[in-house]
Amino acid sequence: MYKFPKKHRLCSQSDIERLFDENNYFIYENIKVYWNLVFSEENSIKVLFAVPKKIIPKAVHRNKIKRLTRESFRKNKKILKNKNKLHLGVIYLSPEIPNFNSLEEKIKVILQRINNRL
């Protein structure tokens, strides 16, 4: 359903390094998305959300953007229903704070694009 438990969060330092070393990424508007197919025994999509401190200096705004991005991913992750062993890194690159509806539309397009590439 619409859950985002800890098992869907990309926390392992080695997995994060592998995600950024692979260089599988694309940029859609102001969001950069790294993706990596993983060959492991876990059957879950793991996601990392980041907002750079250089672009958004205030932690309150960075946390708000991450909350909005997490929520929009949580609501639309069903687009990737058959993609089980996938790691994603979503990095927000714009200095403006988005509203939820525009960010959700961008996340939908990003997930559809990933679904088409796999």
PDB file of N, CA and C in Angstrom:
ATOM      1  N   MET A   1       0.831  -1.177   0.000  1.00  0.00           N
ATOM      2  CA  MET A   1       0.000   0.000   0.000  1.00  0.00           C
ATOM      3  C   MET A   1       0.878   1.244   0.000  1.00  0.00           C
ATOM      4  N   TYR A   2       0.501   2.268   0.739  1.00  0.00           N
ATOM      5  CA  TYR A   2       1.239   3.528   0.749  1.00  0.00           C
ATOM      6  C   TYR A   2       2.119   3.635   1.982  1.00  0.00           C
ATOM      7  N   LYS A   3       3.086   2.754   2.107  1.00  0.00           N
ATOM      8  CA  LYS A   3       3.979   2.805   3.253  1.00  0.00           C
ATOM      9  C   LYS A   3       5.390   3.114   2.774  1.00  0.00           C
ATOM     10  N   PHE A   4       6.204   3.634   3.665  1.00  0.00           N
ATOM     11  CA  PHE A   4       7.614   3.871   3.369  1.00  0.00           C
ATOM     12  C   PHE A   4       8.435   3.471   4.593  1.00  0.00           C
ATOM     13  N   PRO A   5       8.567   2.146   4.826  1.00  0.00           N
ATOM     14  CA  PRO A   5       9.287   1.685   6.014  1.00  0.00           C
ATOM     15  C   PRO A   5      10.801   1.838   5.853  1.00  0.00           C
ATOM     16  N   LYS A   6      11.504   1.580   6.921  1.00  0.00           N
ATOM     17  CA  LYS A   6      12.958   1.726   6.916  1.00  0.00           C
ATOM     18  C   LYS A   6      13.629   0.794   5.914  1.00  0.00           C
ATOM     19  N   LYS A   7      13.032  -0.345   5.635  1.00  0.00           N
ATOM     20  CA  LYS A   7      13.661  -1.270   4.689  1.00  0.00           C
ATOM     21  C   LYS A   7      13.694  -0.700   3.271  1.00  0.00           C
ATOM     22  N   HIS A   8      12.934   0.360   3.002  1.00  0.00           N
ATOM     23  CA  HIS A   8      12.957   1.009   1.691  1.00  0.00           C
ATOM     24  C   HIS A   8      13.909   2.200   1.646  1.00  0.00           C
ATOM     25  N   ARG A   9      14.600   2.478   2.742  1.00  0.00           N
ATOM     26  CA  ARG A   9      15.541   3.600   2.778  1.00  0.00           C
ATOM     27  C   ARG A   9      16.946   3.085   2.525  1.00  0.00           C
ATOM     28  N   LEU A  10      17.665   3.773   1.696  1.00  0.00           N
ATOM     29  CA  LEU A  10      19.038   3.395   1.382  1.00  0.00           C
ATOM     30  C   LEU A  10      19.947   3.975   2.462  1.00  0.00           C
ATOM     31  N   CYS A  11      20.449   3.124   3.348  1.00  0.00           N
ATOM     32  CA  CYS A  11      21.230   3.580   4.501  1.00  0.00           C
ATOM     33  C   CYS A  11      22.681   3.113   4.464  1.00  0.00           C
ATOM     34  N   SER A  12      22.954   2.015   3.821  1.00  0.00           N
ATOM     35  CA  SER A  12      24.288   1.426   3.829  1.00  0.00           C
ATOM     36  C   SER A  12      25.281   2.307   3.064  1.00  0.00           C
ATOM     37  N   GLN A  13      26.401   2.618   3.704  1.00  0.00           N
ATOM     38  CA  GLN A  13      27.412   3.475   3.086  1.00  0.00           C
ATOM     39  C   GLN A  13      27.975   2.836   1.816  1.00  0.00           C
ATOM     40  N   SER A  14      28.186   1.529   1.830  1.00  0.00           N
ATOM     41  CA  SER A  14      28.726   0.856   0.645  1.00  0.00           C
ATOM     42  C   SER A  14      27.723   0.885  -0.506  1.00  0.00           C
ATOM     43  N   ASP A  15      26.437   0.725  -0.205  1.00  0.00           N
ATOM     44  CA  ASP A  15      25.415   0.806  -1.255  1.00  0.00           C
ATOM     45  C   ASP A  15      25.322   2.212  -1.829  1.00  0.00           C
ATOM     46  N   ILE A  16      25.463   3.221  -0.976  1.00  0.00           N
ATOM     47  CA  ILE A  16      25.402   4.609  -1.438  1.00  0.00           C
ATOM     48  C   ILE A  16      26.595   4.915  -2.340  1.00  0.00           C
ATOM     49  N   GLU A  17      27.790   4.464  -1.945  1.00  0.00           N
ATOM     50  CA  GLU A  17      28.975   4.676  -2.780  1.00  0.00           C
ATOM     51  C   GLU A  17      28.836   3.974  -4.120  1.00  0.00           C
ATOM     52  N   ARG A  18      28.319   2.762  -4.114  1.00  0.00           N
ATOM     53  CA  ARG A  18      28.116   2.011  -5.353  1.00  0.00           C
ATOM     54  C   ARG A  18      27.105   2.719  -6.257  1.00  0.00           C
ATOM     55  N   LEU A  19      26.073   3.297  -5.652  1.00  0.00           N
ATOM     56  CA  LEU A  19      25.050   4.012  -6.415  1.00  0.00           C
ATOM     57  C   LEU A  19      25.661   5.190  -7.169  1.00  0.00           C
ATOM     58  N   PHE A  20      26.508   5.969  -6.502  1.00  0.00           N
ATOM     59  CA  PHE A  20      27.088   7.147  -7.137  1.00  0.00           C
ATOM     60  C   PHE A  20      28.274   6.810  -8.038  1.00  0.00           C
ATOM     61  N   ASP A  21      28.912   5.665  -7.838  1.00  0.00           N
ATOM     62  CA  ASP A  21      30.036   5.269  -8.692  1.00  0.00           C
ATOM     63  C   ASP A  21      29.583   4.725 -10.046  1.00  0.00           C
ATOM     64  N   GLU A  22      28.393   4.187 -10.122  1.00  0.00           N
ATOM     65  CA  GLU A  22      27.913   3.571 -11.361  1.00  0.00           C
ATOM     66  C   GLU A  22      27.667   4.579 -12.489  1.00  0.00           C
ATOM     67  N   ASN A  23      27.358   5.813 -12.163  1.00  0.00           N
ATOM     68  CA  ASN A  23      27.080   6.875 -13.142  1.00  0.00           C
ATOM     69  C   ASN A  23      25.853   6.602 -14.005  1.00  0.00           C
ATOM     70  N   ASN A  24      24.876   5.910 -13.471  1.00  0.00           N
ATOM     71  CA  ASN A  24      23.581   5.787 -14.132  1.00  0.00           C
ATOM     72  C   ASN A  24      22.685   6.863 -13.557  1.00  0.00           C
ATOM     73  N   TYR A  25      22.566   7.967 -14.265  1.00  0.00           N
ATOM     74  CA  TYR A  25      21.735   9.044 -13.747  1.00  0.00           C
ATOM     75  C   TYR A  25      21.126   9.833 -14.891  1.00  0.00           C
ATOM     76  N   PHE A  26      20.099  10.577 -14.565  1.00  0.00           N
ATOM     77  CA  PHE A  26      19.516  11.542 -15.489  1.00  0.00           C
ATOM     78  C   PHE A  26      18.977  12.700 -14.671  1.00  0.00           C
ATOM     79  N   ILE A  27      18.761  13.813 -15.341  1.00  0.00           N
ATOM     80  CA  ILE A  27      18.240  15.006 -14.681  1.00  0.00           C
ATOM     81  C   ILE A  27      16.912  15.348 -15.329  1.00  0.00           C
ATOM     82  N   TYR A  28      15.895  15.474 -14.504  1.00  0.00           N
ATOM     83  CA  TYR A  28      14.586  15.910 -14.981  1.00  0.00           C
ATOM     84  C   TYR A  28      14.255  17.206 -14.267  1.00  0.00           C
ATOM     85  N   GLU A  29      14.175  18.280 -15.040  1.00  0.00           N
ATOM     86  CA  GLU A  29      13.953  19.631 -14.530  1.00  0.00           C
ATOM     87  C   GLU A  29      14.972  19.942 -13.442  1.00  0.00           C
ATOM     88  N   ASN A  30      14.599  19.964 -12.192  1.00  0.00           N
ATOM     89  CA  ASN A  30      15.550  20.324 -11.141  1.00  0.00           C
ATOM     90  C   ASN A  30      15.815  19.169 -10.178  1.00  0.00           C
ATOM     91  N   ILE A  31      15.640  17.953 -10.652  1.00  0.00           N
ATOM     92  CA  ILE A  31      15.870  16.775  -9.813  1.00  0.00           C
ATOM     93  C   ILE A  31      16.834  15.838 -10.538  1.00  0.00           C
ATOM     94  N   LYS A  32      17.897  15.477  -9.860  1.00  0.00           N
ATOM     95  CA  LYS A  32      18.872  14.534 -10.406  1.00  0.00           C
ATOM     96  C   LYS A  32      18.611  13.176  -9.772  1.00  0.00           C
ATOM     97  N   VAL A  33      18.510  12.157 -10.610  1.00  0.00           N
ATOM     98  CA  VAL A  33      18.162  10.826 -10.124  1.00  0.00           C
ATOM     99  C   VAL A  33      19.255   9.833 -10.514  1.00  0.00           C
ATOM    100  N   TYR A  34      19.868   9.236  -9.518  1.00  0.00           N
ATOM    101  CA  TYR A  34      20.804   8.136  -9.728  1.00  0.00           C
ATOM    102  C   TYR A  34      20.023   6.839  -9.550  1.00  0.00           C
ATOM    103  N   TRP A  35      20.304   5.857 -10.391  1.00  0.00           N
ATOM    104  CA  TRP A  35      19.626   4.571 -10.255  1.00  0.00           C
ATOM    105  C   TRP A  35      20.623   3.457 -10.520  1.00  0.00           C
ATOM    106  N   ASN A  36      20.375   2.323  -9.896  1.00  0.00           N
ATOM    107  CA  ASN A  36      21.290   1.204  -9.999  1.00  0.00           C
ATOM    108  C   ASN A  36      20.518  -0.089  -9.764  1.00  0.00           C
ATOM    109  N   LEU A  37      20.666  -1.033 -10.666  1.00  0.00           N
ATOM    110  CA  LEU A  37      20.106  -2.364 -10.442  1.00  0.00           C
ATOM    111  C   LEU A  37      21.045  -3.128  -9.522  1.00  0.00           C
ATOM    112  N   VAL A  38      20.484  -3.803  -8.549  1.00  0.00           N
ATOM    113  CA  VAL A  38      21.282  -4.489  -7.538  1.00  0.00           C
ATOM    114  C   VAL A  38      20.970  -5.975  -7.601  1.00  0.00           C
ATOM    115  N   PHE A  39      22.005  -6.771  -7.515  1.00  0.00           N
ATOM    116  CA  PHE A  39      21.826  -8.216  -7.509  1.00  0.00           C
ATOM    117  C   PHE A  39      22.088  -8.720  -6.096  1.00  0.00           C
ATOM    118  N   SER A  40      21.041  -8.726  -5.304  1.00  0.00           N
ATOM    119  CA  SER A  40      21.136  -9.193  -3.921  1.00  0.00           C
ATOM    120  C   SER A  40      19.910 -10.034  -3.609  1.00  0.00           C
ATOM    121  N   GLU A  41      19.850 -10.524  -2.393  1.00  0.00           N
ATOM    122  CA  GLU A  41      18.729 -11.370  -2.012  1.00  0.00           C
ATOM    123  C   GLU A  41      17.534 -10.574  -1.528  1.00  0.00           C
ATOM    124  N   GLU A  42      17.726  -9.305  -1.231  1.00  0.00           N
ATOM    125  CA  GLU A  42      16.609  -8.468  -0.798  1.00  0.00           C
ATOM    126  C   GLU A  42      15.738  -8.116  -1.997  1.00  0.00           C
ATOM    127  N   ASN A  43      14.449  -8.142  -1.803  1.00  0.00           N
ATOM    128  CA  ASN A  43      13.520  -7.763  -2.860  1.00  0.00           C
ATOM    129  C   ASN A  43      12.819  -6.474  -2.496  1.00  0.00           C
ATOM    130  N   SER A  44      13.557  -5.380  -2.531  1.00  0.00           N
ATOM    131  CA  SER A  44      12.918  -4.111  -2.229  1.00  0.00           C
ATOM    132  C   SER A  44      13.633  -2.982  -2.959  1.00  0.00           C
ATOM    133  N   ILE A  45      12.883  -1.950  -3.229  1.00  0.00           N
ATOM    134  CA  ILE A  45      13.431  -0.733  -3.803  1.00  0.00           C
ATOM    135  C   ILE A  45      13.935   0.113  -2.642  1.00  0.00           C
ATOM    136  N   LYS A  46      15.173   0.563  -2.734  1.00  0.00           N
ATOM    137  CA  LYS A  46      15.738   1.404  -1.677  1.00  0.00           C
ATOM    138  C   LYS A  46      16.017   2.780  -2.258  1.00  0.00           C
ATOM    139  N   VAL A  47      15.664   3.814  -1.494  1.00  0.00           N
ATOM    140  CA  VAL A  47      15.743   5.180  -1.997  1.00  0.00           C
ATOM    141  C   VAL A  47      16.497   6.071  -1.017  1.00  0.00           C
ATOM    142  N   LEU A  48      17.273   6.986  -1.574  1.00  0.00           N
ATOM    143  CA  LEU A  48      17.987   8.002  -0.817  1.00  0.00           C
ATOM    144  C   LEU A  48      17.503   9.363  -1.302  1.00  0.00           C
ATOM    145  N   PHE A  49      17.112  10.234  -0.384  1.00  0.00           N
ATOM    146  CA  PHE A  49      16.685  11.592  -0.728  1.00  0.00           C
ATOM    147  C   PHE A  49      17.709  12.571  -0.180  1.00  0.00           C
ATOM    148  N   ALA A  50      18.119  13.544  -1.013  1.00  0.00           N
ATOM    149  CA  ALA A  50      19.119  14.515  -0.570  1.00  0.00           C
ATOM    150  C   ALA A  50      18.800  15.893  -1.130  1.00  0.00           C
ATOM    151  N   VAL A  51      19.115  16.905  -0.317  1.00  0.00           N
ATOM    152  CA  VAL A  51      19.008  18.303  -0.730  1.00  0.00           C
ATOM    153  C   VAL A  51      20.315  18.964  -0.302  1.00  0.00           C
ATOM    154  N   PRO A  52      21.135  19.433  -1.252  1.00  0.00           N
ATOM    155  CA  PRO A  52      22.443  19.992  -0.896  1.00  0.00           C
ATOM    156  C   PRO A  52      22.347  21.269  -0.066  1.00  0.00           C
ATOM    157  N   LYS A  53      23.265  21.379   0.877  1.00  0.00           N
ATOM    158  CA  LYS A  53      23.311  22.537   1.762  1.00  0.00           C
ATOM    159  C   LYS A  53      23.722  23.801   1.007  1.00  0.00           C
ATOM    160  N   LYS A  54      24.513  23.658  -0.047  1.00  0.00           N
ATOM    161  CA  LYS A  54      24.914  24.821  -0.846  1.00  0.00           C
ATOM    162  C   LYS A  54      23.729  25.448  -1.562  1.00  0.00           C
ATOM    163  N   ILE A  55      22.779  24.637  -1.959  1.00  0.00           N
ATOM    164  CA  ILE A  55      21.635  25.145  -2.724  1.00  0.00           C
ATOM    165  C   ILE A  55      20.545  25.667  -1.796  1.00  0.00           C
ATOM    166  N   ILE A  56      20.233  24.934  -0.739  1.00  0.00           N
ATOM    167  CA  ILE A  56      19.227  25.339   0.251  1.00  0.00           C
ATOM    168  C   ILE A  56      19.944  25.462   1.597  1.00  0.00           C
ATOM    169  N   PRO A  57      20.329  26.674   2.000  1.00  0.00           N
ATOM    170  CA  PRO A  57      21.135  26.814   3.216  1.00  0.00           C
ATOM    171  C   PRO A  57      20.406  26.502   4.523  1.00  0.00           C
ATOM    172  N   LYS A  58      19.111  26.744   4.600  1.00  0.00           N
ATOM    173  CA  LYS A  58      18.397  26.538   5.863  1.00  0.00           C
ATOM    174  C   LYS A  58      17.931  25.088   5.993  1.00  0.00           C
ATOM    175  N   ALA A  59      18.251  24.493   7.135  1.00  0.00           N
ATOM    176  CA  ALA A  59      17.904  23.094   7.379  1.00  0.00           C
ATOM    177  C   ALA A  59      16.397  22.878   7.388  1.00  0.00           C
ATOM    178  N   VAL A  60      15.647  23.864   7.838  1.00  0.00           N
ATOM    179  CA  VAL A  60      14.186  23.746   7.876  1.00  0.00           C
ATOM    180  C   VAL A  60      13.639  23.536   6.471  1.00  0.00           C
ATOM    181  N   HIS A  61      14.165  24.295   5.518  1.00  0.00           N
ATOM    182  CA  HIS A  61      13.696  24.182   4.138  1.00  0.00           C
ATOM    183  C   HIS A  61      14.181  22.877   3.492  1.00  0.00           C
ATOM    184  N   ARG A  62      15.418  22.479   3.800  1.00  0.00           N
ATOM    185  CA  ARG A  62      15.915  21.208   3.266  1.00  0.00           C
ATOM    186  C   ARG A  62      15.063  20.047   3.759  1.00  0.00           C
ATOM    187  N   ASN A  63      14.734  20.055   5.044  1.00  0.00           N
ATOM    188  CA  ASN A  63      13.916  18.978   5.605  1.00  0.00           C
ATOM    189  C   ASN A  63      12.515  18.974   5.016  1.00  0.00           C
ATOM    190  N   LYS A  64      11.954  20.151   4.773  1.00  0.00           N
ATOM    191  CA  LYS A  64      10.622  20.223   4.168  1.00  0.00           C
ATOM    192  C   LYS A  64      10.634  19.627   2.766  1.00  0.00           C
ATOM    193  N   ILE A  65      11.655  19.963   1.980  1.00  0.00           N
ATOM    194  CA  ILE A  65      11.755  19.427   0.621  1.00  0.00           C
ATOM    195  C   ILE A  65      11.909  17.912   0.660  1.00  0.00           C
ATOM    196  N   LYS A  66      12.720  17.403   1.594  1.00  0.00           N
ATOM    197  CA  LYS A  66      12.878  15.951   1.708  1.00  0.00           C
ATOM    198  C   LYS A  66      11.578  15.279   2.130  1.00  0.00           C
ATOM    199  N   ARG A  67      10.837  15.903   3.045  1.00  0.00           N
ATOM    200  CA  ARG A  67       9.539  15.340   3.453  1.00  0.00           C
ATOM    201  C   ARG A  67       8.572  15.295   2.278  1.00  0.00           C
ATOM    202  N   LEU A  68       8.509  16.379   1.513  1.00  0.00           N
ATOM    203  CA  LEU A  68       7.604  16.418   0.360  1.00  0.00           C
ATOM    204  C   LEU A  68       8.005  15.380  -0.687  1.00  0.00           C
ATOM    205  N   THR A  69       9.299  15.255  -0.926  1.00  0.00           N
ATOM    206  CA  THR A  69       9.781  14.287  -1.914  1.00  0.00           C
ATOM    207  C   THR A  69       9.498  12.862  -1.458  1.00  0.00           C
ATOM    208  N   ARG A  70       9.746  12.584  -0.177  1.00  0.00           N
ATOM    209  CA  ARG A  70       9.460  11.251   0.369  1.00  0.00           C
ATOM    210  C   ARG A  70       7.987  10.904   0.247  1.00  0.00           C
ATOM    211  N   GLU A  71       7.135  11.868   0.567  1.00  0.00           N
ATOM    212  CA  GLU A  71       5.694  11.631   0.509  1.00  0.00           C
ATOM    213  C   GLU A  71       5.234  11.392  -0.923  1.00  0.00           C
ATOM    214  N   SER A  72       5.737  12.171  -1.864  1.00  0.00           N
ATOM    215  CA  SER A  72       5.322  11.977  -3.253  1.00  0.00           C
ATOM    216  C   SER A  72       5.843  10.646  -3.790  1.00  0.00           C
ATOM    217  N   PHE A  73       7.042  10.227  -3.370  1.00  0.00           N
ATOM    218  CA  PHE A  73       7.534   8.910  -3.767  1.00  0.00           C
ATOM    219  C   PHE A  73       6.676   7.812  -3.152  1.00  0.00           C
ATOM    220  N   ARG A  74       6.347   7.965  -1.882  1.00  0.00           N
ATOM    221  CA  ARG A  74       5.548   6.964  -1.178  1.00  0.00           C
ATOM    222  C   ARG A  74       4.202   6.749  -1.855  1.00  0.00           C
ATOM    223  N   LYS A  75       3.582   7.835  -2.296  1.00  0.00           N
ATOM    224  CA  LYS A  75       2.269   7.729  -2.926  1.00  0.00           C
ATOM    225  C   LYS A  75       2.332   7.146  -4.333  1.00  0.00           C
ATOM    226  N   ASN A  76       3.473   7.273  -5.010  1.00  0.00           N
ATOM    227  CA  ASN A  76       3.558   6.878  -6.414  1.00  0.00           C
ATOM    228  C   ASN A  76       4.528   5.739  -6.688  1.00  0.00           C
ATOM    229  N   LYS A  77       5.014   5.069  -5.653  1.00  0.00           N
ATOM    230  CA  LYS A  77       5.985   3.999  -5.883  1.00  0.00           C
ATOM    231  C   LYS A  77       5.372   2.782  -6.571  1.00  0.00           C
ATOM    232  N   LYS A  78       4.063   2.744  -6.643  1.00  0.00           N
ATOM    233  CA  LYS A  78       3.411   1.618  -7.327  1.00  0.00           C
ATOM    234  C   LYS A  78       3.733   1.595  -8.820  1.00  0.00           C
ATOM    235  N   ILE A  79       4.225   2.707  -9.360  1.00  0.00           N
ATOM    236  CA  ILE A  79       4.643   2.750 -10.763  1.00  0.00           C
ATOM    237  C   ILE A  79       5.791   1.771 -10.996  1.00  0.00           C
ATOM    238  N   LEU A  80       6.631   1.569  -9.997  1.00  0.00           N
ATOM    239  CA  LEU A  80       7.770   0.649 -10.089  1.00  0.00           C
ATOM    240  C   LEU A  80       7.434  -0.715  -9.506  1.00  0.00           C
ATOM    241  N   LYS A  81       6.218  -1.177  -9.663  1.00  0.00           N
ATOM    242  CA  LYS A  81       5.745  -2.374  -8.961  1.00  0.00           C
ATOM    243  C   LYS A  81       6.544  -3.632  -9.271  1.00  0.00           C
ATOM    244  N   ASN A  82       7.060  -3.791 -10.480  1.00  0.00           N
ATOM    245  CA  ASN A  82       7.768  -5.020 -10.824  1.00  0.00           C
ATOM    246  C   ASN A  82       9.281  -4.892 -10.711  1.00  0.00           C
ATOM    247  N   LYS A  83       9.755  -3.739 -10.352  1.00  0.00           N
ATOM    248  CA  LYS A  83      11.198  -3.518 -10.251  1.00  0.00           C
ATOM    249  C   LYS A  83      11.615  -3.709  -8.799  1.00  0.00           C
ATOM    250  N   ASN A  84      12.098  -4.901  -8.475  1.00  0.00           N
ATOM    251  CA  ASN A  84      12.321  -5.218  -7.072  1.00  0.00           C
ATOM    252  C   ASN A  84      13.707  -4.860  -6.559  1.00  0.00           C
ATOM    253  N   LYS A  85      14.720  -5.069  -7.324  1.00  0.00           N
ATOM    254  CA  LYS A  85      16.081  -4.885  -6.824  1.00  0.00           C
ATOM    255  C   LYS A  85      16.677  -3.623  -7.434  1.00  0.00           C
ATOM    256  N   LEU A  86      16.278  -2.499  -6.868  1.00  0.00           N
ATOM    257  CA  LEU A  86      16.648  -1.209  -7.434  1.00  0.00           C
ATOM    258  C   LEU A  86      17.042  -0.246  -6.323  1.00  0.00           C
ATOM    259  N   HIS A  87      18.128   0.491  -6.543  1.00  0.00           N
ATOM    260  CA  HIS A  87      18.526   1.556  -5.627  1.00  0.00           C
ATOM    261  C   HIS A  87      18.383   2.882  -6.357  1.00  0.00           C
ATOM    262  N   LEU A  88      17.791   3.851  -5.689  1.00  0.00           N
ATOM    263  CA  LEU A  88      17.587   5.178  -6.269  1.00  0.00           C
ATOM    264  C   LEU A  88      18.185   6.238  -5.355  1.00  0.00           C
ATOM    265  N   GLY A  89      18.730   7.279  -5.969  1.00  0.00           N
ATOM    266  CA  GLY A  89      19.173   8.459  -5.239  1.00  0.00           C
ATOM    267  C   GLY A  89      18.512   9.667  -5.866  1.00  0.00           C
ATOM    268  N   VAL A  90      17.689  10.373  -5.111  1.00  0.00           N
ATOM    269  CA  VAL A  90      16.944  11.527  -5.618  1.00  0.00           C
ATOM    270  C   VAL A  90      17.540  12.779  -4.984  1.00  0.00           C
ATOM    271  N   ILE A  91      18.093  13.658  -5.830  1.00  0.00           N
ATOM    272  CA  ILE A  91      18.750  14.871  -5.341  1.00  0.00           C
ATOM    273  C   ILE A  91      18.028  16.078  -5.919  1.00  0.00           C
ATOM    274  N   TYR A  92      17.558  16.941  -5.047  1.00  0.00           N
ATOM    275  CA  TYR A  92      16.831  18.148  -5.443  1.00  0.00           C
ATOM    276  C   TYR A  92      17.840  19.268  -5.679  1.00  0.00           C
ATOM    277  N   LEU A  93      17.786  19.939  -6.849  1.00  0.00           N
ATOM    278  CA  LEU A  93      18.830  20.880  -7.239  1.00  0.00           C
ATOM    279  C   LEU A  93      18.380  22.325  -7.407  1.00  0.00           C
ATOM    280  N   SER A  94      17.157  22.660  -7.101  1.00  0.00           N
ATOM    281  CA  SER A  94      16.663  24.018  -7.321  1.00  0.00           C
ATOM    282  C   SER A  94      16.687  24.822  -6.023  1.00  0.00           C
ATOM    283  N   PRO A  95      16.963  26.132  -6.104  1.00  0.00           N
ATOM    284  CA  PRO A  95      16.949  26.952  -4.885  1.00  0.00           C
ATOM    285  C   PRO A  95      15.549  27.307  -4.389  1.00  0.00           C
ATOM    286  N   GLU A  96      14.510  27.031  -5.175  1.00  0.00           N
ATOM    287  CA  GLU A  96      13.143  27.333  -4.743  1.00  0.00           C
ATOM    288  C   GLU A  96      12.546  26.149  -3.982  1.00  0.00           C
ATOM    289  N   ILE A  97      11.683  26.469  -3.039  1.00  0.00           N
ATOM    290  CA  ILE A  97      10.956  25.436  -2.304  1.00  0.00           C
ATOM    291  C   ILE A  97       9.699  25.105  -3.107  1.00  0.00           C
ATOM    292  N   PRO A  98       9.533  23.851  -3.515  1.00  0.00           N
ATOM    293  CA  PRO A  98       8.397  23.501  -4.374  1.00  0.00           C
ATOM    294  C   PRO A  98       7.119  23.302  -3.569  1.00  0.00           C
ATOM    295  N   ASN A  99       5.993  23.367  -4.274  1.00  0.00           N
ATOM    296  CA  ASN A  99       4.760  22.943  -3.617  1.00  0.00           C
ATOM    297  C   ASN A  99       4.581  21.449  -3.894  1.00  0.00           C
ATOM    298  N   PHE A 100       3.714  20.821  -3.137  1.00  0.00           N
ATOM    299  CA  PHE A 100       3.594  19.365  -3.196  1.00  0.00           C
ATOM    300  C   PHE A 100       3.112  18.877  -4.558  1.00  0.00           C
ATOM    301  N   ASN A 101       2.141  19.562  -5.151  1.00  0.00           N
ATOM    302  CA  ASN A 101       1.567  19.090  -6.412  1.00  0.00           C
ATOM    303  C   ASN A 101       2.582  19.096  -7.549  1.00  0.00           C
ATOM    304  N   SER A 102       3.374  20.151  -7.657  1.00  0.00           N
ATOM    305  CA  SER A 102       4.367  20.192  -8.735  1.00  0.00           C
ATOM    306  C   SER A 102       5.456  19.143  -8.513  1.00  0.00           C
ATOM    307  N   LEU A 103       5.861  18.962  -7.263  1.00  0.00           N
ATOM    308  CA  LEU A 103       6.880  17.964  -6.960  1.00  0.00           C
ATOM    309  C   LEU A 103       6.356  16.550  -7.209  1.00  0.00           C
ATOM    310  N   GLU A 104       5.104  16.320  -6.894  1.00  0.00           N
ATOM    311  CA  GLU A 104       4.520  14.997  -7.129  1.00  0.00           C
ATOM    312  C   GLU A 104       4.458  14.675  -8.619  1.00  0.00           C
ATOM    313  N   GLU A 105       4.120  15.652  -9.445  1.00  0.00           N
ATOM    314  CA  GLU A 105       4.095  15.428 -10.894  1.00  0.00           C
ATOM    315  C   GLU A 105       5.492  15.095 -11.413  1.00  0.00           C
ATOM    316  N   LYS A 106       6.504  15.783 -10.904  1.00  0.00           N
ATOM    317  CA  LYS A 106       7.880  15.506 -11.325  1.00  0.00           C
ATOM    318  C   LYS A 106       8.301  14.101 -10.910  1.00  0.00           C
ATOM    319  N   ILE A 107       7.943  13.699  -9.703  1.00  0.00           N
ATOM    320  CA  ILE A 107       8.297  12.357  -9.227  1.00  0.00           C
ATOM    321  C   ILE A 107       7.588  11.291 -10.064  1.00  0.00           C
ATOM    322  N   LYS A 108       6.345  11.532 -10.447  1.00  0.00           N
ATOM    323  CA  LYS A 108       5.627  10.579 -11.307  1.00  0.00           C
ATOM    324  C   LYS A 108       6.352  10.393 -12.630  1.00  0.00           C
ATOM    325  N   VAL A 109       6.764  11.500 -13.245  1.00  0.00           N
ATOM    326  CA  VAL A 109       7.475  11.423 -14.526  1.00  0.00           C
ATOM    327  C   VAL A 109       8.807  10.696 -14.352  1.00  0.00           C
ATOM    328  N   ILE A 110       9.502  10.983 -13.260  1.00  0.00           N
ATOM    329  CA  ILE A 110      10.786  10.330 -12.996  1.00  0.00           C
ATOM    330  C   ILE A 110      10.601   8.823 -12.833  1.00  0.00           C
ATOM    331  N   LEU A 111       9.603   8.410 -12.074  1.00  0.00           N
ATOM    332  CA  LEU A 111       9.368   6.978 -11.866  1.00  0.00           C
ATOM    333  C   LEU A 111       8.953   6.287 -13.162  1.00  0.00           C
ATOM    334  N   GLN A 112       8.172   6.957 -13.989  1.00  0.00           N
ATOM    335  CA  GLN A 112       7.804   6.385 -15.286  1.00  0.00           C
ATOM    336  C   GLN A 112       9.021   6.249 -16.190  1.00  0.00           C
ATOM    337  N   ARG A 113       9.897   7.236 -16.134  1.00  0.00           N
ATOM    338  CA  ARG A 113      11.109   7.191 -16.950  1.00  0.00           C
ATOM    339  C   ARG A 113      12.012   6.038 -16.508  1.00  0.00           C
ATOM    340  N   ILE A 114      12.145   5.837 -15.209  1.00  0.00           N
ATOM    341  CA  ILE A 114      12.946   4.717 -14.700  1.00  0.00           C
ATOM    342  C   ILE A 114      12.302   3.397 -15.097  1.00  0.00           C
ATOM    343  N   ASN A 115      10.996   3.326 -15.001  1.00  0.00           N
ATOM    344  CA  ASN A 115      10.265   2.115 -15.368  1.00  0.00           C
ATOM    345  C   ASN A 115      10.496   1.773 -16.838  1.00  0.00           C
ATOM    346  N   ASN A 116      10.552   2.778 -17.702  1.00  0.00           N
ATOM    347  CA  ASN A 116      10.771   2.540 -19.128  1.00  0.00           C
ATOM    348  C   ASN A 116      12.205   2.116 -19.423  1.00  0.00           C
ATOM    349  N   ARG A 117      13.166   2.592 -18.647  1.00  0.00           N
ATOM    350  CA  ARG A 117      14.566   2.246 -18.885  1.00  0.00           C
ATOM    351  C   ARG A 117      14.893   0.825 -18.454  1.00  0.00           C
ATOM    352  N   LEU A 118      14.122   0.272 -17.540  1.00  0.00           N
ATOM    353  CA  LEU A 118      14.456  -1.061 -17.012  1.00  0.00           C
ATOM    354  C   LEU A 118      13.783  -2.168 -17.754  1.00  0.00           C
TER     355      LEU A 118
END
